[in-house]
Amino acid sequence: MARLGMRKPFNKSTGRDYKSEYARYQGTDAQKKNRAERNNARRTLMREGKVKKGDGKDVDHKRPLKNGGSNGETNLRVLPKSRNRGFKRTSANKPVGSA
């Protein structure tokens, strides 16, 4: 039960307030720019026929955008979602076994 003066969570099943999360983080200009870059990378590979909607593939940046990577052809690759999202991370947020 929510206390007086506190907002109730937007999503009752998860307890997360997605509206405030968007306002604080996802809606910032920097994050909008990053999302547009990721979407542009996927559209580029869709035009080349390497991925299509609903195929279970992710467009991976070998060097992430946040670490100075780009949408250049040599920095993009197609991976199955299970491989791109399914690795354990260390406290430094790097895949286990990576340099």
PDB file of N, CA and C in Angstrom:
ATOM      1  N   MET A   1       0.831  -1.183   0.000  1.00  0.00           N
ATOM      2  CA  MET A   1       0.000   0.000   0.000  1.00  0.00           C
ATOM      3  C   MET A   1       0.874   1.244   0.000  1.00  0.00           C
ATOM      4  N   ALA A   2       0.571   2.189  -0.829  1.00  0.00           N
ATOM      5  CA  ALA A   2       1.353   3.413  -0.930  1.00  0.00           C
ATOM      6  C   ALA A   2       1.043   4.340   0.232  1.00  0.00           C
ATOM      7  N   ARG A   3       2.100   4.982   0.739  1.00  0.00           N
ATOM      8  CA  ARG A   3       1.910   5.950   1.807  1.00  0.00           C
ATOM      9  C   ARG A   3       1.376   7.254   1.237  1.00  0.00           C
ATOM     10  N   LEU A   4       0.810   8.075   2.075  1.00  0.00           N
ATOM     11  CA  LEU A   4       0.293   9.358   1.628  1.00  0.00           C
ATOM     12  C   LEU A   4       1.400  10.202   1.025  1.00  0.00           C
ATOM     13  N   GLY A   5       1.122  10.840  -0.080  1.00  0.00           N
ATOM     14  CA  GLY A   5       2.087  11.720  -0.721  1.00  0.00           C
ATOM     15  C   GLY A   5       3.032  11.018  -1.679  1.00  0.00           C
ATOM     16  N   MET A   6       3.043   9.687  -1.679  1.00  0.00           N
ATOM     17  CA  MET A   6       3.924   8.957  -2.595  1.00  0.00           C
ATOM     18  C   MET A   6       3.132   8.531  -3.823  1.00  0.00           C
ATOM     19  N   ARG A   7       3.788   8.587  -4.970  1.00  0.00           N
ATOM     20  CA  ARG A   7       3.148   8.127  -6.203  1.00  0.00           C
ATOM     21  C   ARG A   7       3.055   6.627  -6.226  1.00  0.00           C
ATOM     22  N   LYS A   8       1.965   6.122  -6.724  1.00  0.00           N
ATOM     23  CA  LYS A   8       1.838   4.684  -6.906  1.00  0.00           C
ATOM     24  C   LYS A   8       2.639   4.298  -8.143  1.00  0.00           C
ATOM     25  N   PRO A   9       3.210   3.087  -8.150  1.00  0.00           N
ATOM     26  CA  PRO A   9       3.940   2.645  -9.331  1.00  0.00           C
ATOM     27  C   PRO A   9       3.032   2.609 -10.555  1.00  0.00           C
ATOM     28  N   PHE A  10       3.597   2.921 -11.695  1.00  0.00           N
ATOM     29  CA  PHE A  10       2.844   2.916 -12.944  1.00  0.00           C
ATOM     30  C   PHE A  10       2.449   1.495 -13.317  1.00  0.00           C
ATOM     31  N   ASN A  11       3.363   0.549 -13.170  1.00  0.00           N
ATOM     32  CA  ASN A  11       3.111  -0.831 -13.524  1.00  0.00           C
ATOM     33  C   ASN A  11       2.985  -1.646 -12.247  1.00  0.00           C
ATOM     34  N   LYS A  12       1.805  -2.100 -11.937  1.00  0.00           N
ATOM     35  CA  LYS A  12       1.570  -2.796 -10.676  1.00  0.00           C
ATOM     36  C   LYS A  12       2.312  -4.128 -10.595  1.00  0.00           C
ATOM     37  N   SER A  13       2.453  -4.846 -11.708  1.00  0.00           N
ATOM     38  CA  SER A  13       3.073  -6.166 -11.655  1.00  0.00           C
ATOM     39  C   SER A  13       4.573  -6.085 -11.401  1.00  0.00           C
ATOM     40  N   THR A  14       5.246  -5.047 -11.876  1.00  0.00           N
ATOM     41  CA  THR A  14       6.689  -4.931 -11.672  1.00  0.00           C
ATOM     42  C   THR A  14       7.038  -3.948 -10.576  1.00  0.00           C
ATOM     43  N   GLY A  15       6.120  -3.073 -10.230  1.00  0.00           N
ATOM     44  CA  GLY A  15       6.398  -2.072  -9.220  1.00  0.00           C
ATOM     45  C   GLY A  15       7.277  -0.939  -9.720  1.00  0.00           C
ATOM     46  N   ARG A  16       7.440  -0.823 -11.027  1.00  0.00           N
ATOM     47  CA  ARG A  16       8.297   0.220 -11.596  1.00  0.00           C
ATOM     48  C   ARG A  16       7.450   1.365 -12.114  1.00  0.00           C
ATOM     49  N   ASP A  17       7.962   2.550 -11.950  1.00  0.00           N
ATOM     50  CA  ASP A  17       7.294   3.755 -12.436  1.00  0.00           C
ATOM     51  C   ASP A  17       7.985   4.172 -13.736  1.00  0.00           C
ATOM     52  N   TYR A  18       7.519   3.610 -14.837  1.00  0.00           N
ATOM     53  CA  TYR A  18       8.172   3.833 -16.119  1.00  0.00           C
ATOM     54  C   TYR A  18       8.114   5.295 -16.562  1.00  0.00           C
ATOM     55  N   LYS A  19       7.068   5.974 -16.189  1.00  0.00           N
ATOM     56  CA  LYS A  19       6.932   7.376 -16.578  1.00  0.00           C
ATOM     57  C   LYS A  19       8.046   8.219 -15.964  1.00  0.00           C
ATOM     58  N   SER A  20       8.323   8.001 -14.688  1.00  0.00           N
ATOM     59  CA  SER A  20       9.392   8.780 -14.060  1.00  0.00           C
ATOM     60  C   SER A  20      10.765   8.319 -14.529  1.00  0.00           C
ATOM     61  N   GLU A  21      10.934   7.017 -14.830  1.00  0.00           N
ATOM     62  CA  GLU A  21      12.204   6.532 -15.381  1.00  0.00           C
ATOM     63  C   GLU A  21      12.498   7.222 -16.704  1.00  0.00           C
ATOM     64  N   TYR A  22      11.481   7.361 -17.542  1.00  0.00           N
ATOM     65  CA  TYR A  22      11.672   8.029 -18.820  1.00  0.00           C
ATOM     66  C   TYR A  22      12.042   9.490 -18.608  1.00  0.00           C
ATOM     67  N   ALA A  23      11.361  10.147 -17.685  1.00  0.00           N
ATOM     68  CA  ALA A  23      11.627  11.561 -17.435  1.00  0.00           C
ATOM     69  C   ALA A  23      13.038  11.783 -16.904  1.00  0.00           C
ATOM     70  N   ARG A  24      13.508  10.865 -16.055  1.00  0.00           N
ATOM     71  CA  ARG A  24      14.833  11.030 -15.447  1.00  0.00           C
ATOM     72  C   ARG A  24      15.973  10.608 -16.355  1.00  0.00           C
ATOM     73  N   TYR A  25      15.797   9.568 -17.160  1.00  0.00           N
ATOM     74  CA  TYR A  25      16.932   9.008 -17.891  1.00  0.00           C
ATOM     75  C   TYR A  25      16.674   8.844 -19.387  1.00  0.00           C
ATOM     76  N   GLN A  26      15.689   8.034 -19.754  1.00  0.00           N
ATOM     77  CA  GLN A  26      15.487   7.697 -21.160  1.00  0.00           C
ATOM     78  C   GLN A  26      15.059   8.885 -22.000  1.00  0.00           C
ATOM     79  N   GLY A  27      14.470   9.880 -21.378  1.00  0.00           N
ATOM     80  CA  GLY A  27      13.990  11.039 -22.110  1.00  0.00           C
ATOM     81  C   GLY A  27      15.007  12.160 -22.242  1.00  0.00           C
ATOM     82  N   THR A  28      16.223  11.964 -21.724  1.00  0.00           N
ATOM     83  CA  THR A  28      17.236  13.005 -21.836  1.00  0.00           C
ATOM     84  C   THR A  28      17.733  13.087 -23.275  1.00  0.00           C
ATOM     85  N   ASP A  29      18.227  14.240 -23.647  1.00  0.00           N
ATOM     86  CA  ASP A  29      18.687  14.433 -25.021  1.00  0.00           C
ATOM     87  C   ASP A  29      19.792  13.448 -25.392  1.00  0.00           C
ATOM     88  N   ALA A  30      20.705  13.177 -24.470  1.00  0.00           N
ATOM     89  CA  ALA A  30      21.804  12.252 -24.759  1.00  0.00           C
ATOM     90  C   ALA A  30      21.281  10.846 -25.038  1.00  0.00           C
ATOM     91  N   GLN A  31      20.316  10.381 -24.242  1.00  0.00           N
ATOM     92  CA  GLN A  31      19.787   9.038 -24.432  1.00  0.00           C
ATOM     93  C   GLN A  31      18.936   8.935 -25.694  1.00  0.00           C
ATOM     94  N   LYS A  32      18.238   9.995 -26.041  1.00  0.00           N
ATOM     95  CA  LYS A  32      17.479  10.003 -27.300  1.00  0.00           C
ATOM     96  C   LYS A  32      18.429   9.891 -28.481  1.00  0.00           C
ATOM     97  N   LYS A  33      19.560  10.584 -28.411  1.00  0.00           N
ATOM     98  CA  LYS A  33      20.554  10.530 -29.480  1.00  0.00           C
ATOM     99  C   LYS A  33      21.140   9.120 -29.595  1.00  0.00           C
ATOM    100  N   ASN A  34      21.467   8.498 -28.456  1.00  0.00           N
ATOM    101  CA  ASN A  34      22.005   7.138 -28.466  1.00  0.00           C
ATOM    102  C   ASN A  34      21.008   6.151 -29.050  1.00  0.00           C
ATOM    103  N   ARG A  35      19.736   6.280 -28.673  1.00  0.00           N
ATOM    104  CA  ARG A  35      18.702   5.376 -29.193  1.00  0.00           C
ATOM    105  C   ARG A  35      18.546   5.552 -30.696  1.00  0.00           C
ATOM    106  N   ALA A  36      18.614   6.800 -31.168  1.00  0.00           N
ATOM    107  CA  ALA A  36      18.512   7.061 -32.600  1.00  0.00           C
ATOM    108  C   ALA A  36      19.686   6.429 -33.353  1.00  0.00           C
ATOM    109  N   GLU A  37      20.876   6.463 -32.766  1.00  0.00           N
ATOM    110  CA  GLU A  37      22.051   5.835 -33.384  1.00  0.00           C
ATOM    111  C   GLU A  37      21.868   4.315 -33.486  1.00  0.00           C
ATOM    112  N   ARG A  38      21.365   3.700 -32.413  1.00  0.00           N
ATOM    113  CA  ARG A  38      21.141   2.249 -32.442  1.00  0.00           C
ATOM    114  C   ARG A  38      20.077   1.878 -33.469  1.00  0.00           C
ATOM    115  N   ASN A  39      18.999   2.657 -33.522  1.00  0.00           N
ATOM    116  CA  ASN A  39      17.941   2.398 -34.505  1.00  0.00           C
ATOM    117  C   ASN A  39      18.464   2.557 -35.923  1.00  0.00           C
ATOM    118  N   ASN A  40      19.312   3.559 -36.142  1.00  0.00           N
ATOM    119  CA  ASN A  40      19.890   3.790 -37.461  1.00  0.00           C
ATOM    120  C   ASN A  40      20.780   2.618 -37.881  1.00  0.00           C
ATOM    121  N   ALA A  41      21.528   2.050 -36.937  1.00  0.00           N
ATOM    122  CA  ALA A  41      22.387   0.907 -37.249  1.00  0.00           C
ATOM    123  C   ALA A  41      21.536  -0.281 -37.702  1.00  0.00           C
ATOM    124  N   ARG A  42      20.435  -0.530 -37.019  1.00  0.00           N
ATOM    125  CA  ARG A  42      19.573  -1.649 -37.409  1.00  0.00           C
ATOM    126  C   ARG A  42      18.945  -1.406 -38.782  1.00  0.00           C
ATOM    127  N   ARG A  43      18.479  -0.176 -39.029  1.00  0.00           N
ATOM    128  CA  ARG A  43      17.896   0.136 -40.342  1.00  0.00           C
ATOM    129  C   ARG A  43      18.916  -0.058 -41.463  1.00  0.00           C
ATOM    130  N   THR A  44      20.165   0.303 -41.206  1.00  0.00           N
ATOM    131  CA  THR A  44      21.217   0.131 -42.209  1.00  0.00           C
ATOM    132  C   THR A  44      21.376  -1.340 -42.575  1.00  0.00           C
ATOM    133  N   LEU A  45      21.434  -2.210 -41.558  1.00  0.00           N
ATOM    134  CA  LEU A  45      21.594  -3.638 -41.840  1.00  0.00           C
ATOM    135  C   LEU A  45      20.317  -4.262 -42.404  1.00  0.00           C
ATOM    136  N   MET A  46      19.164  -3.675 -42.114  1.00  0.00           N
ATOM    137  CA  MET A  46      17.918  -4.155 -42.720  1.00  0.00           C
ATOM    138  C   MET A  46      17.938  -3.876 -44.224  1.00  0.00           C
ATOM    139  N   ARG A  47      18.407  -2.695 -44.608  1.00  0.00           N
ATOM    140  CA  ARG A  47      18.485  -2.355 -46.031  1.00  0.00           C
ATOM    141  C   ARG A  47      19.442  -3.293 -46.771  1.00  0.00           C
ATOM    142  N   GLU A  48      20.494  -3.730 -46.078  1.00  0.00           N
ATOM    143  CA  GLU A  48      21.461  -4.643 -46.683  1.00  0.00           C
ATOM    144  C   GLU A  48      20.969  -6.090 -46.676  1.00  0.00           C
ATOM    145  N   GLY A  49      19.841  -6.352 -46.016  1.00  0.00           N
ATOM    146  CA  GLY A  49      19.266  -7.689 -45.991  1.00  0.00           C
ATOM    147  C   GLY A  49      19.879  -8.614 -44.953  1.00  0.00           C
ATOM    148  N   LYS A  50      20.651  -8.078 -44.020  1.00  0.00           N
ATOM    149  CA  LYS A  50      21.310  -8.918 -43.021  1.00  0.00           C
ATOM    150  C   LYS A  50      20.399  -9.243 -41.835  1.00  0.00           C
ATOM    151  N   VAL A  51      19.425  -8.395 -41.574  1.00  0.00           N
ATOM    152  CA  VAL A  51      18.454  -8.641 -40.504  1.00  0.00           C
ATOM    153  C   VAL A  51      17.077  -8.256 -41.011  1.00  0.00           C
ATOM    154  N   LYS A  52      16.052  -8.780 -40.341  1.00  0.00           N
ATOM    155  CA  LYS A  52      14.694  -8.363 -40.654  1.00  0.00           C
ATOM    156  C   LYS A  52      13.886  -8.361 -39.369  1.00  0.00           C
ATOM    157  N   LYS A  53      12.759  -7.731 -39.410  1.00  0.00           N
ATOM    158  CA  LYS A  53      11.913  -7.601 -38.229  1.00  0.00           C
ATOM    159  C   LYS A  53      11.461  -8.974 -37.745  1.00  0.00           C
ATOM    160  N   GLY A  54      11.620  -9.216 -36.445  1.00  0.00           N
ATOM    161  CA  GLY A  54      11.163 -10.458 -35.845  1.00  0.00           C
ATOM    162  C   GLY A  54      12.058 -11.657 -36.073  1.00  0.00           C
ATOM    163  N   ASP A  55      13.296 -11.455 -36.531  1.00  0.00           N
ATOM    164  CA  ASP A  55      14.178 -12.579 -36.833  1.00  0.00           C
ATOM    165  C   ASP A  55      14.969 -13.086 -35.630  1.00  0.00           C
ATOM    166  N   GLY A  56      14.834 -12.434 -34.471  1.00  0.00           N
ATOM    167  CA  GLY A  56      15.544 -12.882 -33.282  1.00  0.00           C
ATOM    168  C   GLY A  56      17.006 -12.499 -33.267  1.00  0.00           C
ATOM    169  N   LYS A  57      17.389 -11.564 -34.098  1.00  0.00           N
ATOM    170  CA  LYS A  57      18.790 -11.122 -34.187  1.00  0.00           C
ATOM    171  C   LYS A  57      18.938  -9.727 -33.606  1.00  0.00           C
ATOM    172  N   ASP A  58      20.118  -9.457 -33.062  1.00  0.00           N
ATOM    173  CA  ASP A  58      20.474  -8.133 -32.586  1.00  0.00           C
ATOM    174  C   ASP A  58      21.593  -7.585 -33.454  1.00  0.00           C
ATOM    175  N   VAL A  59      21.585  -6.283 -33.644  1.00  0.00           N
ATOM    176  CA  VAL A  59      22.707  -5.617 -34.291  1.00  0.00           C
ATOM    177  C   VAL A  59      23.634  -5.180 -33.171  1.00  0.00           C
ATOM    178  N   ASP A  60      24.830  -5.739 -33.166  1.00  0.00           N
ATOM    179  CA  ASP A  60      25.791  -5.501 -32.100  1.00  0.00           C
ATOM    180  C   ASP A  60      26.869  -4.545 -32.580  1.00  0.00           C
ATOM    181  N   HIS A  61      27.241  -3.624 -31.713  1.00  0.00           N
ATOM    182  CA  HIS A  61      28.377  -2.754 -31.975  1.00  0.00           C
ATOM    183  C   HIS A  61      29.591  -3.415 -31.313  1.00  0.00           C
ATOM    184  N   LYS A  62      30.591  -3.767 -32.096  1.00  0.00           N
ATOM    185  CA  LYS A  62      31.773  -4.403 -31.523  1.00  0.00           C
ATOM    186  C   LYS A  62      32.384  -3.505 -30.456  1.00  0.00           C
ATOM    187  N   ARG A  63      32.523  -2.231 -30.771  1.00  0.00           N
ATOM    188  CA  ARG A  63      32.924  -1.234 -29.789  1.00  0.00           C
ATOM    189  C   ARG A  63      31.678  -0.401 -29.504  1.00  0.00           C
ATOM    190  N   PRO A  64      31.152  -0.480 -28.284  1.00  0.00           N
ATOM    191  CA  PRO A  64      29.890   0.200 -27.973  1.00  0.00           C
ATOM    192  C   PRO A  64      29.943   1.701 -28.232  1.00  0.00           C
ATOM    193  N   LEU A  65      28.786   2.251 -28.564  1.00  0.00           N
ATOM    194  CA  LEU A  65      28.693   3.692 -28.805  1.00  0.00           C
ATOM    195  C   LEU A  65      29.140   4.483 -27.589  1.00  0.00           C
ATOM    196  N   LYS A  66      28.812   3.986 -26.395  1.00  0.00           N
ATOM    197  CA  LYS A  66      29.177   4.705 -25.177  1.00  0.00           C
ATOM    198  C   LYS A  66      30.682   4.718 -24.935  1.00  0.00           C
ATOM    199  N   ASN A  67      31.413   3.824 -25.606  1.00  0.00           N
ATOM    200  CA  ASN A  67      32.868   3.790 -25.483  1.00  0.00           C
ATOM    201  C   ASN A  67      33.555   4.367 -26.711  1.00  0.00           C
ATOM    202  N   GLY A  68      32.843   5.173 -27.479  1.00  0.00           N
ATOM    203  CA  GLY A  68      33.433   5.815 -28.637  1.00  0.00           C
ATOM    204  C   GLY A  68      33.275   5.063 -29.941  1.00  0.00           C
ATOM    205  N   GLY A  69      32.457   4.023 -29.965  1.00  0.00           N
ATOM    206  CA  GLY A  69      32.213   3.277 -31.192  1.00  0.00           C
ATOM    207  C   GLY A  69      31.355   4.073 -32.156  1.00  0.00           C
ATOM    208  N   SER A  70      31.195   3.535 -33.359  1.00  0.00           N
ATOM    209  CA  SER A  70      30.414   4.236 -34.372  1.00  0.00           C
ATOM    210  C   SER A  70      29.466   3.255 -35.055  1.00  0.00           C
ATOM    211  N   ASN A  71      28.712   3.775 -36.011  1.00  0.00           N
ATOM    212  CA  ASN A  71      27.835   2.941 -36.818  1.00  0.00           C
ATOM    213  C   ASN A  71      28.512   2.532 -38.112  1.00  0.00           C
ATOM    214  N   GLY A  72      29.815   2.615 -38.158  1.00  0.00           N
ATOM    215  CA  GLY A  72      30.557   2.220 -39.347  1.00  0.00           C
ATOM    216  C   GLY A  72      30.391   0.738 -39.637  1.00  0.00           C
ATOM    217  N   GLU A  73      30.531   0.383 -40.893  1.00  0.00           N
ATOM    218  CA  GLU A  73      30.323  -1.001 -41.335  1.00  0.00           C
ATOM    219  C   GLU A  73      31.217  -1.986 -40.591  1.00  0.00           C
ATOM    220  N   THR A  74      32.445  -1.588 -40.277  1.00  0.00           N
ATOM    221  CA  THR A  74      33.369  -2.506 -39.608  1.00  0.00           C
ATOM    222  C   THR A  74      33.070  -2.672 -38.127  1.00  0.00           C
ATOM    223  N   ASN A  75      32.250  -1.800 -37.548  1.00  0.00           N
ATOM    224  CA  ASN A  75      31.930  -1.889 -36.123  1.00  0.00           C
ATOM    225  C   ASN A  75      30.608  -2.613 -35.863  1.00  0.00           C
ATOM    226  N   LEU A  76      29.866  -2.958 -36.890  1.00  0.00           N
ATOM    227  CA  LEU A  76      28.565  -3.610 -36.721  1.00  0.00           C
ATOM    228  C   LEU A  76      28.641  -5.088 -37.060  1.00  0.00           C
ATOM    229  N   ARG A  77      27.896  -5.890 -36.313  1.00  0.00           N
ATOM    230  CA  ARG A  77      27.770  -7.312 -36.624  1.00  0.00           C
ATOM    231  C   ARG A  77      26.402  -7.783 -36.160  1.00  0.00           C
ATOM    232  N   VAL A  78      25.956  -8.889 -36.712  1.00  0.00           N
ATOM    233  CA  VAL A  78      24.652  -9.459 -36.367  1.00  0.00           C
ATOM    234  C   VAL A  78      24.892 -10.666 -35.469  1.00  0.00           C
ATOM    235  N   LEU A  79      24.214 -10.671 -34.318  1.00  0.00           N
ATOM    236  CA  LEU A  79      24.317 -11.776 -33.368  1.00  0.00           C
ATOM    237  C   LEU A  79      22.923 -12.228 -32.967  1.00  0.00           C
ATOM    238  N   PRO A  80      22.772 -13.513 -32.614  1.00  0.00           N
ATOM    239  CA  PRO A  80      21.493 -13.935 -32.047  1.00  0.00           C
ATOM    240  C   PRO A  80      21.270 -13.220 -30.719  1.00  0.00           C
ATOM    241  N   LYS A  81      20.024 -12.942 -30.384  1.00  0.00           N
ATOM    242  CA  LYS A  81      19.730 -12.254 -29.126  1.00  0.00           C
ATOM    243  C   LYS A  81      20.302 -13.016 -27.945  1.00  0.00           C
ATOM    244  N   SER A  82      20.229 -14.345 -27.986  1.00  0.00           N
ATOM    245  CA  SER A  82      20.711 -15.143 -26.857  1.00  0.00           C
ATOM    246  C   SER A  82      22.200 -14.931 -26.619  1.00  0.00           C
ATOM    247  N   ARG A  83      22.963 -14.717 -27.669  1.00  0.00           N
ATOM    248  CA  ARG A  83      24.403 -14.503 -27.509  1.00  0.00           C
ATOM    249  C   ARG A  83      24.715 -13.062 -27.130  1.00  0.00           C
ATOM    250  N   ASN A  84      23.980 -12.128 -27.694  1.00  0.00           N
ATOM    251  CA  ASN A  84      24.270 -10.722 -27.430  1.00  0.00           C
ATOM    252  C   ASN A  84      23.817 -10.292 -26.040  1.00  0.00           C
ATOM    253  N   ARG A  85      22.722 -10.840 -25.556  1.00  0.00           N
ATOM    254  CA  ARG A  85      22.175 -10.412 -24.270  1.00  0.00           C
ATOM    255  C   ARG A  85      22.395 -11.427 -23.164  1.00  0.00           C
ATOM    256  N   GLY A  86      22.873 -12.613 -23.489  1.00  0.00           N
ATOM    257  CA  GLY A  86      22.886 -13.697 -22.527  1.00  0.00           C
ATOM    258  C   GLY A  86      24.174 -13.934 -21.788  1.00  0.00           C
ATOM    259  N   PHE A  87      25.119 -12.990 -21.773  1.00  0.00           N
ATOM    260  CA  PHE A  87      26.364 -13.253 -21.076  1.00  0.00           C
ATOM    261  C   PHE A  87      26.349 -12.672 -19.672  1.00  0.00           C
ATOM    262  N   LYS A  88      27.082 -13.336 -18.777  1.00  0.00           N
ATOM    263  CA  LYS A  88      27.213 -12.836 -17.417  1.00  0.00           C
ATOM    264  C   LYS A  88      28.153 -11.636 -17.443  1.00  0.00           C
ATOM    265  N   ARG A  89      27.917 -10.719 -16.533  1.00  0.00           N
ATOM    266  CA  ARG A  89      28.748  -9.522 -16.479  1.00  0.00           C
ATOM    267  C   ARG A  89      29.495  -9.464 -15.153  1.00  0.00           C
ATOM    268  N   THR A  90      30.663  -8.871 -15.206  1.00  0.00           N
ATOM    269  CA  THR A  90      31.448  -8.671 -13.993  1.00  0.00           C
ATOM    270  C   THR A  90      30.999  -7.378 -13.333  1.00  0.00           C
ATOM    271  N   SER A  91      31.598  -7.046 -12.217  1.00  0.00           N
ATOM    272  CA  SER A  91      31.248  -5.803 -11.536  1.00  0.00           C
ATOM    273  C   SER A  91      31.609  -4.591 -12.388  1.00  0.00           C
ATOM    274  N   ALA A  92      32.558  -4.752 -13.319  1.00  0.00           N
ATOM    275  CA  ALA A  92      32.942  -3.663 -14.219  1.00  0.00           C
ATOM    276  C   ALA A  92      32.018  -3.625 -15.436  1.00  0.00           C
ATOM    277  N   ASN A  93      30.943  -4.461 -15.438  1.00  0.00           N
ATOM    278  CA  ASN A  93      29.959  -4.508 -16.510  1.00  0.00           C
ATOM    279  C   ASN A  93      30.568  -4.961 -17.833  1.00  0.00           C
ATOM    280  N   LYS A  94      31.499  -5.919 -17.752  1.00  0.00           N
ATOM    281  CA  LYS A  94      32.102  -6.469 -18.958  1.00  0.00           C
ATOM    282  C   LYS A  94      31.788  -7.954 -19.014  1.00  0.00           C
ATOM    283  N   PRO A  95      31.692  -8.527 -20.223  1.00  0.00           N
ATOM    284  CA  PRO A  95      31.427  -9.968 -20.321  1.00  0.00           C
ATOM    285  C   PRO A  95      32.519 -10.774 -19.640  1.00  0.00           C
ATOM    286  N   VAL A  96      32.156 -11.861 -18.988  1.00  0.00           N
ATOM    287  CA  VAL A  96      33.125 -12.735 -18.344  1.00  0.00           C
ATOM    288  C   VAL A  96      34.040 -13.316 -19.413  1.00  0.00           C
ATOM    289  N   GLY A  97      35.336 -13.286 -19.174  1.00  0.00           N
ATOM    290  CA  GLY A  97      36.301 -13.822 -20.127  1.00  0.00           C
ATOM    291  C   GLY A  97      36.797 -12.823 -21.140  1.00  0.00           C
ATOM    292  N   SER A  98      36.323 -11.584 -21.089  1.00  0.00           N
ATOM    293  CA  SER A  98      36.802 -10.588 -22.035  1.00  0.00           C
ATOM    294  C   SER A  98      38.031  -9.893 -21.473  1.00  0.00           C
ATOM    295  N   ALA A  99      38.803  -9.334 -22.351  1.00  0.00           N
ATOM    296  CA  ALA A  99      40.038  -8.661 -21.930  1.00  0.00           C
ATOM    297  C   ALA A  99      39.766  -7.331 -21.307  1.00  0.00           C
TER     298      ALA A  99
END
